[in-house]
């Protein structure tokens, strides 16, 4: 029996070595910040670690996931994580309401700081999975690139939701001001 001694948190080895494979990655990333992500992804592939600070993810949180079309992770960020947290806080409240407040606070601080440290790695993993899926589904290189361009890149929905969020905040402030 052999024991697997690979680091469980190390970036997986990818086959994105050739220029053709890099063109697939470029097609998925899109024009926005291509050089930044290629540099990060190369670091992951060379075993440079999975952590690194990502300012857009820090300032926008889950909206960045929507911007980069990572729909399931965005769903988890906006819905599953808060639901799980509320259940945990409820359970902790049964034992100590003060501890529950601190637990809630520390969890969100950890999310706010932790998410930006793994955001690029999450995007890298998403890119690898989608490239693998597309290359197994399509054999023609032009079809692969066209599909990756359509499912990758950036999406406008993050701007719409971010604007809607700001509009709600401004409306709340104005309504509060008018009622006072």
Protein backbone atom coordinates (compact mmCIF):
# COMPACT_ATOMS: atom_id res chain seq x y z
CA UNK A 1 0.00 0.00 0.00
CA UNK A 2 1.37 3.41 -0.94
CA UNK A 3 0.67 6.61 0.89
CA UNK A 4 0.00 9.79 -1.04
CA UNK A 5 2.35 12.42 0.38
CA UNK A 6 1.33 15.30 -1.87
CA UNK A 7 0.26 18.49 -0.19
CA UNK A 8 -3.55 18.52 -0.09
CA UNK A 9 -3.56 22.29 -0.50
CA UNK A 10 -1.04 22.49 -3.32
CA UNK A 11 -2.29 23.64 -6.69
CA UNK A 12 -3.02 20.74 -9.01
CA UNK A 13 -0.61 20.15 -11.83
CA UNK A 14 -2.09 21.30 -15.09
CA UNK A 15 -1.24 20.61 -18.66
CA UNK A 16 -1.37 24.26 -19.67
CA UNK A 17 2.21 24.30 -20.88
CA UNK A 18 2.00 24.88 -24.62
CA UNK A 19 1.05 28.07 -26.41
CA UNK A 20 -2.14 26.37 -27.62
CA UNK A 21 -3.14 25.60 -24.04
CA UNK A 22 -2.30 29.14 -22.97
CA UNK A 23 -4.58 30.40 -25.72
CA UNK A 24 -7.40 28.42 -24.11
CA UNK A 25 -6.64 30.00 -20.74
CA UNK A 26 -6.50 33.45 -22.36
CA UNK A 27 -9.83 32.81 -24.05
CA UNK A 28 -11.36 31.89 -20.69
CA UNK A 29 -9.86 34.83 -18.76
CA UNK A 30 -10.84 37.39 -21.37
CA UNK A 31 -9.30 40.81 -21.88
CA UNK A 32 -9.85 42.16 -18.37
CA UNK A 33 -6.67 41.76 -16.27
CA UNK A 34 -5.35 38.93 -18.43
CA UNK A 35 -1.70 39.59 -17.52
CA UNK A 36 -2.49 39.66 -13.80
CA UNK A 37 -4.28 36.32 -13.88
CA UNK A 38 -1.74 34.65 -16.15
CA UNK A 39 1.00 35.64 -13.71
CA UNK A 40 -1.02 34.31 -10.76
CA UNK A 41 -1.90 31.10 -12.56
CA UNK A 42 1.73 30.50 -13.54
CA UNK A 43 2.66 30.92 -9.89
CA UNK A 44 0.07 28.31 -8.90
CA UNK A 45 1.32 25.88 -11.55
CA UNK A 46 4.91 26.26 -10.34
CA UNK A 47 3.88 25.47 -6.76
CA UNK A 48 4.01 29.09 -5.59
CA UNK A 49 1.19 28.52 -3.10
CA UNK A 50 -2.52 29.07 -3.22
CA UNK A 51 -2.73 32.29 -1.26
CA UNK A 52 -2.34 35.86 -2.39
CA UNK A 53 -4.14 39.10 -1.79
CA UNK A 54 -6.83 40.12 -4.28
CA UNK A 55 -8.02 43.70 -3.82
CA UNK A 56 -11.16 43.52 -6.00
CA UNK A 57 -12.38 40.49 -4.03
CA UNK A 58 -11.64 42.36 -0.79
CA UNK A 59 -13.67 45.42 -1.75
CA UNK A 60 -16.51 43.72 -3.60
CA UNK A 61 -16.77 40.30 -1.96
CA UNK A 62 -19.18 38.03 -3.73
CA UNK A 63 -19.82 40.55 -6.50
CA UNK A 64 -16.34 39.69 -7.77
CA UNK A 65 -17.49 36.06 -8.12
CA UNK A 66 -20.39 37.25 -10.26
CA UNK A 67 -18.06 39.52 -12.25
CA UNK A 68 -15.89 36.48 -13.07
CA UNK A 69 -18.95 34.29 -13.81
CA UNK A 70 -18.44 31.85 -10.94
CA UNK A 71 -22.15 31.42 -10.39
CA UNK A 72 -22.17 28.49 -7.96
CA UNK A 73 -19.52 30.02 -5.72
CA UNK A 74 -21.46 33.29 -5.73
CA UNK A 75 -24.60 31.40 -4.74
CA UNK A 76 -22.69 29.77 -1.89
CA UNK A 77 -21.20 33.12 -0.83
CA UNK A 78 -24.52 34.99 -0.81
CA UNK A 79 -26.89 32.24 0.37
CA UNK A 80 -25.36 29.04 1.72
CA UNK A 81 -22.69 30.66 3.91
CA UNK A 82 -25.14 33.07 5.61
CA UNK A 83 -27.70 30.30 6.14
CA UNK A 84 -25.08 28.01 7.68
CA UNK A 85 -23.82 30.88 9.82
CA UNK A 86 -27.31 31.70 11.07
CA UNK A 87 -27.88 28.08 12.04
CA UNK A 88 -24.55 27.99 13.89
CA UNK A 89 -25.24 31.30 15.62
CA UNK A 90 -28.66 30.06 16.69
CA UNK A 91 -27.09 26.94 18.20
CA UNK A 92 -24.39 28.98 19.96
CA UNK A 93 -27.07 31.41 21.21
CA UNK A 94 -28.70 28.54 23.09
CA UNK A 95 -25.55 28.29 25.20
CA UNK A 96 -24.30 31.89 25.32
CA UNK A 97 -25.84 34.91 23.57
CA UNK A 98 -22.66 36.96 24.07
CA UNK A 99 -20.55 34.21 22.56
CA UNK A 100 -22.94 34.08 19.61
CA UNK A 101 -22.42 37.79 18.88
CA UNK A 102 -18.65 37.34 18.95
CA UNK A 103 -18.87 34.18 16.85
CA UNK A 104 -20.94 36.01 14.24
CA UNK A 105 -18.56 38.97 14.18
CA UNK A 106 -15.40 36.86 13.95
CA UNK A 107 -16.89 34.67 11.23
CA UNK A 108 -17.62 37.66 8.99
CA UNK A 109 -14.21 39.19 9.64
CA UNK A 110 -12.62 35.85 8.71
CA UNK A 111 -14.74 35.72 5.55
CA UNK A 112 -13.88 39.32 4.68
CA UNK A 113 -10.14 38.65 5.09
CA UNK A 114 -10.05 34.99 4.04
CA UNK A 115 -11.97 35.26 0.79
CA UNK A 116 -9.56 37.72 -0.89
CA UNK A 117 -6.61 35.49 -0.01
CA UNK A 118 -7.99 32.56 -2.00
CA UNK A 119 -9.98 34.40 -4.69
CA UNK A 120 -7.37 34.01 -7.45
CA UNK A 121 -6.94 30.33 -6.57
CA UNK A 122 -10.73 29.82 -6.78
CA UNK A 123 -10.70 31.48 -10.20
CA UNK A 124 -7.79 29.28 -11.30
CA UNK A 125 -9.62 26.13 -10.22
CA UNK A 126 -12.75 27.30 -12.03
CA UNK A 127 -10.73 27.98 -15.18
CA UNK A 128 -9.09 24.54 -15.11
CA UNK A 129 -12.41 22.75 -14.63
CA UNK A 130 -14.13 24.67 -17.41
CA UNK A 131 -11.23 24.30 -19.84
CA UNK A 132 -11.17 20.56 -19.19
CA UNK A 133 -14.91 20.34 -19.71
CA UNK A 134 -14.83 22.32 -22.95
CA UNK A 135 -11.85 20.45 -24.41
CA UNK A 136 -13.53 17.11 -23.71
CA UNK A 137 -16.78 18.30 -25.29
CA UNK A 138 -15.34 20.00 -28.40
CA UNK A 139 -12.45 18.73 -30.53
CA UNK A 140 -12.13 21.75 -32.81
CA UNK A 141 -9.80 24.45 -31.37
CA UNK A 142 -11.91 27.32 -32.73
CA UNK A 143 -15.04 25.89 -31.10
CA UNK A 144 -13.16 25.47 -27.82
CA UNK A 145 -11.98 29.07 -27.86
CA UNK A 146 -15.42 30.39 -28.79
CA UNK A 147 -17.07 28.40 -25.98
CA UNK A 148 -14.45 29.48 -23.41
CA UNK A 149 -14.91 33.10 -24.43
CA UNK A 150 -18.65 32.79 -23.88
CA UNK A 151 -18.48 31.06 -20.49
CA UNK A 152 -15.40 32.89 -19.22
CA UNK A 153 -14.32 36.48 -19.06
CA UNK A 154 -16.37 38.95 -17.12
CA UNK A 155 -20.08 39.49 -16.72
CA UNK A 156 -22.09 42.66 -16.42
CA UNK A 157 -24.44 41.28 -13.77
CA UNK A 158 -22.03 42.28 -10.99
CA UNK A 159 -22.25 45.92 -12.07
CA UNK A 160 -26.04 45.75 -12.16
CA UNK A 161 -26.30 44.16 -8.70
CA UNK A 162 -23.66 46.50 -7.26
CA UNK A 163 -25.58 49.49 -8.61
CA UNK A 164 -28.84 48.09 -7.26
CA UNK A 165 -27.22 47.61 -3.85
CA UNK A 166 -25.98 51.22 -3.83
CA UNK A 167 -29.39 52.44 -4.95
CA UNK A 168 -31.03 50.60 -2.04
CA UNK A 169 -28.55 52.12 0.42
CA UNK A 170 -29.07 55.62 -0.95
CA UNK A 171 -32.86 55.15 -0.91
CA UNK A 172 -32.66 53.99 2.71
CA UNK A 173 -30.61 57.03 3.69
CA UNK A 174 -32.94 59.42 1.86
CA UNK A 175 -36.07 57.84 3.35
CA UNK A 176 -34.48 57.96 6.80
CA UNK A 177 -33.58 61.61 6.29
CA UNK A 178 -37.06 62.52 5.08
CA UNK A 179 -38.73 60.75 8.01
CA UNK A 180 -36.59 62.57 10.57
